Amino acid sequence: MGVVRFSISIEDELLRELDQYVDENKFTNRSQTVRQINFF
């Protein structure tokens, strides 16, 4: 499976929450975090 780079725009508060989630779960970066989220 290939990797595709894309960008999103989100509110400041949501970005802070995402960064907090990254830190709490010891992910290396936001991309790694998003890959681990089970949307379905």
N, C-alpha and C. Protein backbone atom coordinates (compact mmCIF):
# COMPACT_ATOMS: atom_id res chain seq x y z
N MET A 1 0.85 -1.17 0.00
CA MET A 1 0.00 0.00 0.00
C MET A 1 0.90 1.24 0.00
N GLY A 2 0.61 2.16 -0.89
CA GLY A 2 1.39 3.39 -0.96
C GLY A 2 0.90 4.42 0.03
N VAL A 3 1.68 5.45 0.18
CA VAL A 3 1.34 6.54 1.09
C VAL A 3 1.03 7.77 0.26
N VAL A 4 -0.05 8.46 0.62
CA VAL A 4 -0.45 9.69 -0.04
C VAL A 4 -0.38 10.82 0.96
N ARG A 5 0.25 11.91 0.59
CA ARG A 5 0.34 13.08 1.46
C ARG A 5 -0.82 14.01 1.14
N PHE A 6 -1.49 14.51 2.19
CA PHE A 6 -2.57 15.48 2.00
C PHE A 6 -2.60 16.41 3.20
N SER A 7 -3.31 17.49 3.08
CA SER A 7 -3.40 18.43 4.20
C SER A 7 -4.85 18.66 4.57
N ILE A 8 -5.05 19.06 5.81
CA ILE A 8 -6.39 19.39 6.29
C ILE A 8 -6.32 20.69 7.07
N SER A 9 -7.46 21.32 7.22
CA SER A 9 -7.58 22.52 8.04
C SER A 9 -8.52 22.20 9.19
N ILE A 10 -8.03 22.44 10.42
CA ILE A 10 -8.84 22.17 11.61
C ILE A 10 -8.71 23.33 12.59
N GLU A 11 -9.67 23.40 13.49
CA GLU A 11 -9.67 24.45 14.49
C GLU A 11 -8.51 24.25 15.47
N ASP A 12 -8.07 25.35 16.07
CA ASP A 12 -6.95 25.31 17.02
C ASP A 12 -7.19 24.30 18.15
N GLU A 13 -8.39 24.30 18.70
CA GLU A 13 -8.69 23.41 19.83
C GLU A 13 -8.58 21.95 19.42
N LEU A 14 -9.06 21.61 18.25
CA LEU A 14 -8.98 20.23 17.78
C LEU A 14 -7.52 19.81 17.57
N LEU A 15 -6.71 20.72 17.08
CA LEU A 15 -5.28 20.43 16.91
C LEU A 15 -4.63 20.21 18.27
N ARG A 16 -4.98 21.00 19.26
CA ARG A 16 -4.42 20.80 20.60
C ARG A 16 -4.83 19.43 21.15
N GLU A 17 -6.08 19.04 20.91
CA GLU A 17 -6.54 17.74 21.38
C GLU A 17 -5.82 16.61 20.66
N LEU A 18 -5.60 16.76 19.36
CA LEU A 18 -4.86 15.75 18.61
C LEU A 18 -3.44 15.63 19.14
N ASP A 19 -2.78 16.75 19.36
CA ASP A 19 -1.41 16.72 19.88
C ASP A 19 -1.36 16.10 21.27
N GLN A 20 -2.36 16.35 22.08
CA GLN A 20 -2.42 15.75 23.40
C GLN A 20 -2.57 14.23 23.27
N TYR A 21 -3.42 13.80 22.34
CA TYR A 21 -3.61 12.37 22.09
C TYR A 21 -2.31 11.72 21.63
N VAL A 22 -1.58 12.41 20.75
CA VAL A 22 -0.28 11.93 20.27
C VAL A 22 0.65 11.71 21.46
N ASP A 23 0.75 12.71 22.33
CA ASP A 23 1.64 12.62 23.49
C ASP A 23 1.22 11.52 24.45
N GLU A 24 -0.07 11.46 24.77
CA GLU A 24 -0.56 10.48 25.74
C GLU A 24 -0.36 9.05 25.27
N ASN A 25 -0.44 8.84 23.96
CA ASN A 25 -0.33 7.49 23.41
C ASN A 25 1.06 7.19 22.85
N LYS A 26 1.98 8.13 23.07
CA LYS A 26 3.38 7.96 22.71
C LYS A 26 3.60 7.66 21.22
N PHE A 27 2.77 8.29 20.38
CA PHE A 27 2.99 8.20 18.94
C PHE A 27 4.16 9.09 18.56
N THR A 28 4.83 8.74 17.48
CA THR A 28 5.98 9.51 17.01
C THR A 28 5.55 10.84 16.41
N ASN A 29 4.41 10.83 15.72
CA ASN A 29 3.94 12.04 15.04
C ASN A 29 2.45 11.94 14.75
N ARG A 30 1.87 12.99 14.21
CA ARG A 30 0.44 13.02 13.91
C ARG A 30 0.06 12.00 12.85
N SER A 31 0.92 11.83 11.84
CA SER A 31 0.60 10.88 10.77
C SER A 31 0.46 9.46 11.32
N GLN A 32 1.36 9.08 12.20
CA GLN A 32 1.28 7.76 12.80
C GLN A 32 -0.02 7.61 13.58
N THR A 33 -0.41 8.67 14.27
CA THR A 33 -1.64 8.65 15.04
C THR A 33 -2.85 8.45 14.15
N VAL A 34 -2.92 9.20 13.07
CA VAL A 34 -4.07 9.10 12.16
C VAL A 34 -4.14 7.71 11.55
N ARG A 35 -3.00 7.11 11.22
CA ARG A 35 -3.00 5.76 10.65
C ARG A 35 -3.56 4.74 11.63
N GLN A 36 -3.45 5.00 12.92
CA GLN A 36 -3.91 4.04 13.92
C GLN A 36 -5.40 4.21 14.29
N ILE A 37 -6.00 5.31 13.87
CA ILE A 37 -7.41 5.55 14.19
C ILE A 37 -8.27 4.62 13.34
N ASN A 38 -9.19 3.93 13.99
CA ASN A 38 -10.11 3.03 13.28
C ASN A 38 -11.41 3.79 13.02
N PHE A 39 -11.58 4.24 11.80
CA PHE A 39 -12.74 5.04 11.44
C PHE A 39 -14.00 4.21 11.23
N PHE A 40 -13.82 2.91 10.99
CA PHE A 40 -14.99 2.07 10.66
C PHE A 40 -15.11 0.92 11.60
